[in-house]
Protein backbone atom coordinates (compact mmCIF):
# COMPACT_ATOMS: atom_id res chain seq x y z
CA UNK A 1 18.53 16.75 0.14
CA UNK A 2 16.18 19.65 -0.65
CA UNK A 3 12.66 19.59 0.80
CA UNK A 4 11.41 22.35 -1.55
CA UNK A 5 13.55 22.26 -4.72
CA UNK A 6 10.96 24.26 -6.67
CA UNK A 7 12.44 27.48 -5.26
CA UNK A 8 15.56 26.91 -7.41
CA UNK A 9 13.43 28.34 -10.25
CA UNK A 10 13.97 31.73 -8.64
CA UNK A 11 17.60 31.75 -9.83
CA UNK A 12 16.84 32.18 -13.58
CA UNK A 13 14.11 34.69 -12.69
CA UNK A 14 16.62 36.77 -10.72
CA UNK A 15 19.07 36.60 -13.65
CA UNK A 16 16.37 37.91 -16.01
CA UNK A 17 15.40 40.64 -13.51
CA UNK A 18 19.06 41.71 -13.18
CA UNK A 19 19.43 41.91 -16.97
CA UNK A 20 16.29 43.99 -17.62
CA UNK A 21 16.33 46.11 -14.45
CA UNK A 22 19.96 47.17 -14.23
CA UNK A 23 19.19 49.83 -11.64
CA UNK A 24 18.74 47.00 -9.11
CA UNK A 25 22.47 46.21 -9.50
CA UNK A 26 21.89 42.53 -8.75
CA UNK A 27 25.34 41.65 -10.16
CA UNK A 28 27.16 43.11 -7.16
CA UNK A 29 28.94 40.30 -5.22
CA UNK A 30 27.29 41.00 -1.86
CA UNK A 31 23.80 41.11 -3.36
CA UNK A 32 24.46 37.96 -5.38
CA UNK A 33 25.60 36.18 -2.23
CA UNK A 34 22.58 37.34 -0.17
CA UNK A 35 20.08 36.36 -2.89
CA UNK A 36 21.76 32.97 -3.36
CA UNK A 37 21.65 32.27 0.38
CA UNK A 38 17.99 33.32 0.47
CA UNK A 39 17.10 30.91 -2.36
CA UNK A 40 19.00 28.07 -0.63
CA UNK A 41 17.14 28.78 2.62
CA UNK A 42 13.79 28.63 0.79
CA UNK A 43 14.64 25.19 -0.62
CA UNK A 44 14.86 23.89 2.98
CA UNK A 45 18.04 21.80 2.71
CA UNK A 46 18.11 18.74 4.95
CA UNK A 47 21.01 16.49 5.87
CA UNK A 48 20.20 12.85 6.60
CA UNK A 49 23.02 10.61 7.84
CA UNK A 50 22.11 7.13 6.71
CA UNK A 51 23.84 3.77 7.01
CA UNK A 52 25.31 2.10 3.94
CA UNK A 53 23.11 -0.28 1.96
CA UNK A 54 19.39 -0.54 1.24
CA UNK A 55 16.65 -2.50 2.97
CA UNK A 56 14.28 -3.81 0.31
CA UNK A 57 10.96 -5.06 1.69
CA UNK A 58 9.25 -7.41 -0.77
CA UNK A 59 5.52 -7.74 -0.06
CA UNK A 60 4.02 -10.86 -1.66
CA UNK A 61 0.23 -11.12 -1.97
CA UNK A 62 -0.78 -14.66 -0.92
CA UNK A 63 -4.56 -14.21 -1.15
CA UNK A 64 -6.73 -16.61 -3.13
CA UNK A 65 -7.23 -14.11 -5.94
CA UNK A 66 -3.50 -13.65 -6.53
CA UNK A 67 -1.95 -16.99 -5.48
CA UNK A 68 -1.92 -18.64 -8.91
CA UNK A 69 -0.39 -15.78 -10.91
CA UNK A 70 2.05 -14.77 -8.15
CA UNK A 71 3.40 -18.31 -7.57
CA UNK A 72 3.93 -18.77 -11.30
CA UNK A 73 6.69 -16.15 -11.60
CA UNK A 74 7.87 -15.78 -8.00
CA UNK A 75 10.99 -17.93 -8.40
CA UNK A 76 12.19 -15.79 -11.34
CA UNK A 77 11.45 -12.54 -9.50
CA UNK A 78 13.42 -13.66 -6.47
CA UNK A 79 16.38 -14.72 -8.64
CA UNK A 80 16.44 -11.25 -10.26
CA UNK A 81 16.16 -9.48 -6.90
CA UNK A 82 18.93 -11.48 -5.23
CA UNK A 83 21.20 -10.81 -8.20
CA UNK A 84 20.55 -7.07 -8.05
CA UNK A 85 22.32 -6.55 -4.72
CA UNK A 86 25.17 -4.11 -5.28
CA UNK A 87 26.90 -4.48 -1.90
CA UNK A 88 26.89 -6.87 1.04
CA UNK A 89 25.16 -4.14 3.07
CA UNK A 90 22.01 -4.49 0.95
CA UNK A 91 19.28 -6.61 2.57
CA UNK A 92 16.05 -8.11 1.24
CA UNK A 93 13.15 -8.87 3.60
CA UNK A 94 10.25 -10.97 2.30
CA UNK A 95 6.77 -10.48 3.72
CA UNK A 96 3.80 -12.73 2.87
CA UNK A 97 0.37 -11.29 3.47
CA UNK A 98 -3.33 -11.93 2.91
CA UNK A 99 -5.57 -11.81 5.99
CA UNK A 100 -2.42 -11.71 8.16
CA UNK A 101 1.14 -10.47 7.68
CA UNK A 102 4.05 -12.92 8.06
CA UNK A 103 7.76 -12.13 7.61
CA UNK A 104 9.54 -15.07 5.95
CA UNK A 105 13.21 -15.99 5.60
CA UNK A 106 12.80 -17.88 2.30
CA UNK A 107 9.83 -16.90 0.20
CA UNK A 108 10.15 -19.99 -2.03
CA UNK A 109 9.93 -22.66 0.64
CA UNK A 110 7.77 -20.79 3.18
CA UNK A 111 4.15 -21.90 3.50
CA UNK A 112 1.52 -19.26 4.22
CA UNK A 113 -1.01 -20.71 6.67
CA UNK A 114 -3.09 -17.60 7.29
CA UNK A 115 -6.51 -16.51 6.04
CA UNK A 116 -6.34 -16.27 2.22
CA UNK A 117 -9.84 -14.82 1.75
CA UNK A 118 -8.67 -11.25 2.46
CA UNK A 119 -6.07 -8.99 0.83
CA UNK A 120 -4.90 -6.60 3.56
CA UNK A 121 -2.37 -4.56 1.60
CA UNK A 122 -2.76 -1.62 3.98
CA UNK A 123 -1.86 -3.78 6.98
CA UNK A 124 1.24 -5.12 5.18
CA UNK A 125 2.46 -1.59 4.40
CA UNK A 126 1.77 -0.47 7.99
CA UNK A 127 3.86 -3.42 9.19
CA UNK A 128 6.80 -2.27 7.07
CA UNK A 129 6.46 1.28 8.41
CA UNK A 130 6.56 -0.07 11.97
CA UNK A 131 9.62 -2.26 11.43
CA UNK A 132 11.67 -0.04 9.08
CA UNK A 133 14.85 1.29 10.67
CA UNK A 134 15.02 5.12 10.51
CA UNK A 135 18.76 5.21 9.71
CA UNK A 136 18.57 2.73 6.82
CA UNK A 137 17.57 3.49 3.23
CA UNK A 138 14.31 1.62 2.74
CA UNK A 139 12.27 0.69 -0.34
CA UNK A 140 9.13 -1.39 -0.76
CA UNK A 141 8.39 -3.70 -3.71
CA UNK A 142 4.81 -5.00 -3.89
CA UNK A 143 3.77 -8.09 -5.87
CA UNK A 144 -0.03 -8.25 -6.06
CA UNK A 145 -2.99 -8.47 -8.38
CA UNK A 146 -3.89 -4.91 -7.38
CA UNK A 147 -7.05 -5.68 -5.42
CA UNK A 148 -7.16 -4.81 -1.72
CA UNK A 149 -10.08 -5.71 0.56
CA UNK A 150 -9.35 -2.78 2.90
CA UNK A 151 -9.01 0.96 2.18
CA UNK A 152 -5.51 2.33 1.60
CA UNK A 153 -6.41 5.85 2.75
CA UNK A 154 -3.46 7.64 4.32
CA UNK A 155 -0.86 4.93 3.61
CA UNK A 156 0.76 6.85 0.73
CA UNK A 157 1.16 9.95 2.90
CA UNK A 158 2.80 7.92 5.69
CA UNK A 159 5.24 6.38 3.20
CA UNK A 160 6.04 9.84 1.84
CA UNK A 161 6.71 11.25 5.31
CA UNK A 162 9.01 8.30 6.06
CA UNK A 163 10.80 8.79 2.68
CA UNK A 164 10.07 5.19 1.70
CA UNK A 165 9.43 4.77 -2.06
CA UNK A 166 6.93 2.11 -3.17
CA UNK A 167 7.30 0.10 -6.38
CA UNK A 168 4.73 -2.45 -7.47
CA UNK A 169 4.20 -5.13 -10.06
CA UNK A 170 0.61 -6.05 -10.84
CA UNK A 171 0.07 -9.64 -11.92
CA UNK A 172 -3.08 -10.92 -13.59
CA UNK A 173 -4.44 -13.15 -16.28
CA UNK A 174 -5.67 -11.41 -19.44
CA UNK A 175 -8.67 -13.74 -19.82
CA UNK A 176 -10.05 -13.42 -16.28
CA UNK A 177 -13.65 -12.24 -15.76
CA UNK A 178 -14.11 -9.56 -13.13
CA UNK A 179 -16.91 -7.16 -12.21
CA UNK A 180 -16.58 -4.18 -9.94
CA UNK A 181 -18.58 -1.26 -8.54
CA UNK A 182 -16.56 1.50 -10.16
CA UNK A 183 -18.60 4.60 -9.29
CA UNK A 184 -21.61 5.91 -7.36
CA UNK A 185 -23.07 9.36 -8.09
CA UNK A 186 -25.22 10.84 -5.32
CA UNK A 187 -26.04 14.21 -3.72
CA UNK A 188 -23.92 15.14 -0.74
CA UNK A 189 -26.67 17.06 1.09
CA UNK A 190 -30.47 17.16 0.81
CA UNK A 191 -33.34 18.64 2.78
CA UNK A 192 -35.69 16.60 4.97
CA UNK A 193 -38.32 14.95 2.76
CA UNK A 194 -36.57 15.96 -0.49
CA UNK A 195 -36.46 13.16 -3.14
CA UNK A 196 -33.05 12.50 -4.71
CA UNK A 197 -31.46 10.19 -7.27
CA UNK A 198 -28.53 7.81 -6.76
CA UNK A 199 -26.73 6.20 -9.72
CA UNK A 200 -24.39 3.20 -9.38
CA UNK A 201 -22.05 2.19 -12.22
CA UNK A 202 -20.86 -1.42 -12.58
CA UNK A 203 -17.97 -2.22 -14.92
CA UNK A 204 -16.76 -5.62 -16.05
CA UNK A 205 -14.57 -7.49 -18.49
CA UNK A 206 -17.55 -9.45 -19.89
CA UNK A 207 -21.14 -8.56 -20.75
CA UNK A 208 -24.00 -10.00 -18.70
CA UNK A 209 -26.45 -9.39 -15.85
CA UNK A 210 -25.01 -8.75 -12.39
CA UNK A 211 -27.18 -8.99 -9.21
CA UNK A 212 -26.87 -5.98 -6.90
CA UNK A 213 -28.11 -5.35 -3.38
CA UNK A 214 -28.64 -1.95 -1.75
CA UNK A 215 -28.34 -1.22 1.98
CA UNK A 216 -29.10 1.92 3.95
CA UNK A 217 -27.70 2.26 7.47
CA UNK A 218 -27.04 -1.49 7.56
CA UNK A 219 -30.53 -2.57 6.45
CA UNK A 220 -31.23 -3.95 2.98
CA UNK A 221 -33.72 -1.75 1.12
CA UNK A 222 -33.57 -3.13 -2.39
CA UNK A 223 -32.29 -5.76 -4.81
CA UNK A 224 -32.02 -5.66 -8.61
CA UNK A 225 -29.84 -6.60 -11.59
CA UNK A 226 -27.50 -4.43 -13.64
CA UNK A 227 -27.03 -5.22 -17.33
CA UNK A 228 -23.35 -4.78 -18.23
CA UNK A 229 -22.90 -4.07 -21.94
CA UNK A 230 -19.68 -2.95 -23.64
CA UNK A 231 -17.95 -2.95 -20.26
CA UNK A 232 -20.38 -0.86 -18.16
CA UNK A 233 -23.88 -0.92 -16.71
CA UNK A 234 -25.90 1.57 -14.64
CA UNK A 235 -28.52 1.28 -11.90
CA UNK A 236 -30.62 4.31 -10.89
CA UNK A 237 -32.99 4.59 -7.95
CA UNK A 238 -34.59 7.39 -5.94
CA UNK A 239 -34.99 7.79 -2.21
CA UNK A 240 -36.48 10.26 0.27
CA UNK A 241 -35.73 10.52 3.99
CA UNK A 242 -37.38 12.35 6.86
CA UNK A 243 -34.72 11.54 9.48
CA UNK A 244 -32.05 14.20 9.79
CA UNK A 245 -28.40 13.25 9.91
CA UNK A 246 -25.84 11.40 7.80
CA UNK A 247 -27.04 8.14 6.23
CA UNK A 248 -24.75 5.47 4.85
CA UNK A 249 -25.60 3.66 1.60
CA UNK A 250 -23.85 0.40 0.74
CA UNK A 251 -23.92 -1.25 -2.68
CA UNK A 252 -22.96 -4.89 -3.12
CA UNK A 253 -22.78 -6.86 -6.38
CA UNK A 254 -22.93 -10.67 -6.40
CA UNK A 255 -21.80 -11.93 -9.85
CA UNK A 256 -21.82 -15.68 -10.53
CA UNK A 257 -18.29 -15.60 -11.99
CA UNK A 258 -15.90 -13.09 -10.48
CA UNK A 259 -12.13 -13.11 -10.05
CA UNK A 260 -11.76 -10.43 -7.40
CA UNK A 261 -14.44 -10.13 -4.73
CA UNK A 262 -12.67 -7.26 -2.99
CA UNK A 263 -14.02 -4.63 -5.42
CA UNK A 264 -17.67 -5.67 -5.20
CA UNK A 265 -18.74 -3.16 -2.53
CA UNK A 266 -19.09 0.61 -2.45
CA UNK A 267 -20.05 2.99 0.34
CA UNK A 268 -21.58 6.48 0.10
CA UNK A 269 -22.90 9.02 2.61
CA UNK A 270 -25.83 11.42 2.17
CA UNK A 271 -26.53 14.19 4.67
CA UNK A 272 -30.17 15.03 5.39
CA UNK A 273 -30.13 18.61 6.65
CA UNK A 274 -32.64 19.71 9.28
CA UNK A 275 -32.91 22.03 12.29
CA UNK A 276 -30.62 22.19 15.32
CA UNK A 277 -29.32 18.72 16.14
CA UNK A 278 -27.39 17.47 19.16
CA UNK A 279 -25.25 14.33 19.33
CA UNK A 280 -25.40 12.98 22.89
CA UNK A 281 -22.57 10.53 23.65
CA UNK A 282 -23.54 8.92 26.92
CA UNK A 283 -22.60 6.05 29.18
CA UNK A 284 -26.11 5.83 30.61
CA UNK A 285 -29.14 3.89 29.43
CA UNK A 286 -32.17 6.20 29.09
CA UNK A 287 -30.04 9.28 29.72
CA UNK A 288 -32.36 11.97 31.23
CA UNK A 289 -30.48 14.68 29.30
CA UNK A 290 -32.09 13.52 26.03
CA UNK A 291 -35.79 14.23 26.90
CA UNK A 292 -34.84 17.58 28.44
CA UNK A 293 -33.16 18.68 25.20
CA UNK A 294 -36.04 17.36 23.06
CA UNK A 295 -38.45 19.38 25.16
CA UNK A 296 -36.47 22.48 24.16
CA UNK A 297 -36.97 21.70 20.44
CA UNK A 298 -33.64 20.00 19.69
CA UNK A 299 -33.31 16.94 17.47
CA UNK A 300 -31.28 14.62 19.75
CA UNK A 301 -29.27 11.66 18.47
CA UNK A 302 -28.31 9.39 21.39
CA UNK A 303 -25.07 7.39 21.02
CA UNK A 304 -25.13 4.97 23.98
CA UNK A 305 -22.57 2.67 22.30
CA UNK A 306 -19.59 5.07 21.98
CA UNK A 307 -17.29 2.47 20.42
CA UNK A 308 -19.55 2.42 17.32
CA UNK A 309 -19.24 6.19 16.69
CA UNK A 310 -18.33 7.29 13.16
CA UNK A 311 -17.15 10.64 11.85
CA UNK A 312 -20.19 10.85 9.55
CA UNK A 313 -22.44 11.27 12.58
CA UNK A 314 -21.05 14.79 13.10
CA UNK A 315 -22.58 15.87 9.81
CA UNK A 316 -25.38 18.37 10.43
CA UNK A 317 -24.75 18.52 14.19
CA UNK A 318 -24.72 21.81 16.04
CA UNK A 319 -23.42 20.46 19.34
CA UNK A 320 -21.75 17.34 20.76
CA UNK A 321 -22.28 16.43 24.42
CA UNK A 322 -20.01 13.85 26.10
CA UNK A 323 -21.76 12.68 29.25
CA UNK A 324 -19.44 10.66 31.52
CA UNK A 325 -17.73 8.62 28.77
CA UNK A 326 -13.99 7.85 29.00
CA UNK A 327 -11.62 8.72 26.17
CA UNK A 328 -10.71 5.06 25.59
CA UNK A 329 -14.40 4.25 24.96
CA UNK A 330 -14.53 6.63 21.95
CA UNK A 331 -12.75 5.77 18.67
CA UNK A 332 -9.53 7.80 18.30
CA UNK A 333 -10.51 8.84 14.77
CA UNK A 334 -13.76 10.35 16.08
CA UNK A 335 -12.00 12.21 18.91
CA UNK A 336 -9.51 13.73 16.48
CA UNK A 337 -12.32 14.89 14.19
CA UNK A 338 -13.85 16.98 17.02
CA UNK A 339 -10.98 19.47 16.70
CA UNK A 340 -12.00 20.28 13.10
CA UNK A 341 -15.70 20.18 14.06
CA UNK A 342 -15.20 22.86 16.73
CA UNK A 343 -12.43 25.09 15.33
CA UNK A 344 -13.33 25.03 11.61
CA UNK A 345 -17.05 24.23 11.48
CA UNK A 346 -18.07 26.21 14.56
CA UNK A 347 -19.68 23.25 16.33
CA UNK A 348 -20.31 23.22 20.07
CA UNK A 349 -18.69 20.79 22.52
CA UNK A 350 -19.83 20.15 26.08
CA UNK A 351 -18.43 17.62 28.54
CA UNK A 352 -20.50 16.72 31.59
CA UNK A 353 -18.73 15.79 34.83
CA UNK A 354 -18.29 12.28 36.20
CA UNK A 355 -15.69 9.66 37.07
CA UNK A 356 -15.06 9.08 33.36
CA UNK A 357 -14.83 12.74 32.38
CA UNK A 358 -11.97 15.24 32.05
CA UNK A 359 -8.58 14.13 33.44
CA UNK A 360 -9.83 10.99 35.21
CA UNK A 361 -11.44 9.91 31.94
CA UNK A 362 -8.11 10.01 30.11
CA UNK A 363 -8.65 13.28 28.19
CA UNK A 364 -5.39 14.92 29.36
CA UNK A 365 -3.19 15.56 26.28
CA UNK A 366 -5.94 14.16 24.05
CA UNK A 367 -7.02 15.82 20.80
CA UNK A 368 -9.84 17.72 22.60
CA UNK A 369 -7.84 18.77 25.68
CA UNK A 370 -7.24 22.26 24.28
CA UNK A 371 -10.88 22.67 23.20
CA UNK A 372 -12.31 22.77 26.73
CA UNK A 373 -11.70 25.72 29.11
CA UNK A 374 -10.65 23.50 32.03
CA UNK A 375 -7.41 21.85 33.19
CA UNK A 376 -7.31 18.13 32.41
CA UNK A 377 -4.14 17.50 34.42
CA UNK A 378 -4.62 15.17 37.37
CA UNK A 379 -3.49 16.24 40.84
CA UNK A 380 -0.63 14.46 42.58
CA UNK A 381 -2.93 12.17 44.56
CA UNK A 382 -4.34 10.84 41.28
CA UNK A 383 -0.85 10.33 39.84
CA UNK A 384 -0.23 7.70 42.54
CA UNK A 385 -2.58 5.47 40.56
CA UNK A 386 -0.18 5.39 37.60
CA UNK A 387 1.73 2.22 36.71
CA UNK A 388 5.43 1.55 36.13
CA UNK A 389 5.73 -1.69 34.14
CA UNK A 390 8.67 -3.67 32.79
CA UNK A 391 8.43 -6.16 29.92
CA UNK A 392 11.14 -8.78 29.46
CA UNK A 393 11.12 -10.67 26.14
CA UNK A 394 13.04 -13.88 25.44
CA UNK A 395 14.86 -13.39 22.11
CA UNK A 396 16.90 -16.61 22.10
CA UNK A 397 17.18 -18.85 19.04
CA UNK A 398 14.09 -20.91 19.92
CA UNK A 399 11.92 -17.79 19.53
CA UNK A 400 12.48 -17.92 15.75
CA UNK A 401 10.33 -21.08 15.52
CA UNK A 402 6.98 -20.69 13.76
CA UNK A 403 3.61 -21.42 15.36
CA UNK A 404 0.22 -22.25 13.80
CA UNK A 405 -0.75 -19.28 11.66
CA UNK A 406 2.72 -18.75 10.17
CA UNK A 407 4.15 -16.24 12.65
CA UNK A 408 7.24 -16.82 14.78
CA UNK A 409 7.19 -16.91 18.57
CA UNK A 410 9.26 -13.70 18.53
CA UNK A 411 6.70 -11.88 16.37
CA UNK A 412 3.91 -12.90 18.76
CA UNK A 413 5.91 -11.72 21.78
CA UNK A 414 6.78 -8.41 20.10
CA UNK A 415 3.18 -7.77 19.06
CA UNK A 416 1.95 -8.71 22.55
CA UNK A 417 4.35 -6.21 24.09
CA UNK A 418 3.19 -3.47 21.71
CA UNK A 419 -0.44 -4.23 22.55
CA UNK A 420 0.34 -4.03 26.27
CA UNK A 421 1.83 -0.56 25.76
CA UNK A 422 -1.30 0.53 23.86
CA UNK A 423 -3.41 -0.21 26.96
CA UNK A 424 -1.34 1.94 29.34
CA UNK A 425 -2.46 5.41 30.42
CA UNK A 426 -0.79 8.76 29.69
CA UNK A 427 0.87 8.89 33.14
CA UNK A 428 2.15 5.31 33.13
CA UNK A 429 5.80 4.33 32.64
CA UNK A 430 7.23 1.43 30.66
CA UNK A 431 10.62 -0.21 30.09
CA UNK A 432 11.28 -3.08 27.68
CA UNK A 433 14.21 -5.51 27.79
CA UNK A 434 15.14 -8.41 25.50
CA UNK A 435 17.19 -11.24 26.96
CA UNK A 436 19.30 -14.04 25.49
CA UNK A 437 22.67 -14.69 27.10
CA UNK A 438 22.48 -11.16 28.51
CA UNK A 439 19.90 -8.43 28.90
CA UNK A 440 19.46 -5.77 26.17
CA UNK A 441 17.60 -2.55 26.94
CA UNK A 442 15.17 -1.91 24.08
CA UNK A 443 13.28 0.96 25.76
CA UNK A 444 14.59 2.76 28.88
CA UNK A 445 12.05 3.66 31.55
CA UNK A 446 9.85 6.25 29.79
CA UNK A 447 6.58 8.01 30.43
CA UNK A 448 4.07 6.62 27.92
CA UNK A 449 2.47 10.01 27.19
CA UNK A 450 3.58 11.22 23.77
CA UNK A 451 6.12 8.39 23.42
CA UNK A 452 3.50 5.65 22.93
CA UNK A 453 3.90 5.25 19.14
CA UNK A 454 7.72 5.23 19.35
CA UNK A 455 7.72 2.65 22.17
CA UNK A 456 5.32 0.35 20.28
CA UNK A 457 7.45 0.63 17.13
CA UNK A 458 10.62 -0.35 19.05
CA UNK A 459 8.84 -3.31 20.66
CA UNK A 460 7.70 -4.63 17.27
CA UNK A 461 11.26 -4.50 15.89
CA UNK A 462 12.74 -6.97 18.40
CA UNK A 463 14.11 -10.03 16.57
CA UNK A 464 15.39 -13.44 17.64
CA UNK A 465 19.20 -13.24 17.72
CA UNK A 466 20.19 -16.66 19.11
CA UNK A 467 22.01 -17.37 22.37
CA UNK A 468 20.81 -18.73 25.71
CA UNK A 469 17.79 -17.95 27.91
CA UNK A 470 19.13 -16.13 30.98
CA UNK A 471 15.76 -15.30 32.53
CA UNK A 472 17.15 -14.10 35.86
CA UNK A 473 19.51 -11.67 34.13
CA UNK A 474 16.61 -10.09 32.24
CA UNK A 475 14.41 -9.87 35.36
CA UNK A 476 17.25 -8.32 37.37
CA UNK A 477 17.85 -5.62 34.73
CA UNK A 478 14.12 -4.86 34.56
CA UNK A 479 13.86 -4.56 38.34
CA UNK A 480 16.83 -2.19 38.47
CA UNK A 481 15.12 0.03 35.90
CA UNK A 482 11.87 0.05 37.89
CA UNK A 483 13.65 0.61 41.21
């Protein structure tokens, strides 16, 4: 397997160069060998030792918008898929999804009992990524109407990195009526008090008037109707803001007849540029730092609910101050964005001391550890507070039974174990065992640290394998690991 096959184009170029520039003497055996080895090195050859057979994950959209058209042809699709197996090593895994994701043994007879009002395609694909076995060839086949109620940002890149190809079949009725917010044109940045124009485009399969509502920063500021003619309609409005910062606009259409409600909303951000602005992330009510900074002429934005922070709030900021707020209280996506904010945009970052700051606040080995000129590593007396935990999961035959909601007992236990790992600190240790008639070590005793994602992935892959329930055997093995 070649990671960069485009460098093979150098071979004909070298042949042409050797023909026209004979003084280079590129035809000499040693030079030919060296150039050939150089080209091969540039292509980055990679050797992957994989097991025989293919794991085909079939994702079936069970949402209300797709149920009718999917169920109509599902029996034929399954017959074709089962007949396409080339060897006994090939395996097909069926996954039903809508608001939840449920792995099924028989997609024809299984009943999906989850929330059908949502289409969480991104969650279904993330589930496959978590459960896919690294040493097996894996493919994904998606049956859906093509409408997802959650963003799919980043999923394609994760599939590419895992070398998992995605095929899809879009099902729909040709006579269905659907309207969608297809585009919003707006300025990215304006000055304080500067008027600007925003234009929203609504497209649809039928002509008519479509009600639309407009929200700014979560508050409705307008309502109108868009006339869709020949497939499209446009709404224009102007706005002017005096508050600096990034402001979020939301557009929402409410047609009387609509097949897919998941494409009826659109979000856009507009930055209002002003003077020096400071984002104060604080764990205190009425933080005294804010009035002191305002007295110095700074425009201070106080974020006293850190869990609600969004990346857009960094827009236009000169400095971010974290005042005694723990790392787990700040969204991971926001923390990771501070690296780009500081190193690429030249923003300032200040962390004030406190029990929830620096190492004791969980910032050791975090995305901003290297940004601050202090050591985040806890001393040995603090390490005594770390936890060593063992999880023992029953994987006997009874764990394959389903519970209300469509999931099996085993899936609930595996997800609960993964969630428990997500709550552990960087210095904590974890071991996971699965027990039936004997104990099986799923994860040896490991420091959570940088192994968190791998441990959670292994926990989610535990399956019910039959056998007895030898609880004592599992507890004994777990205690030996901890001891």
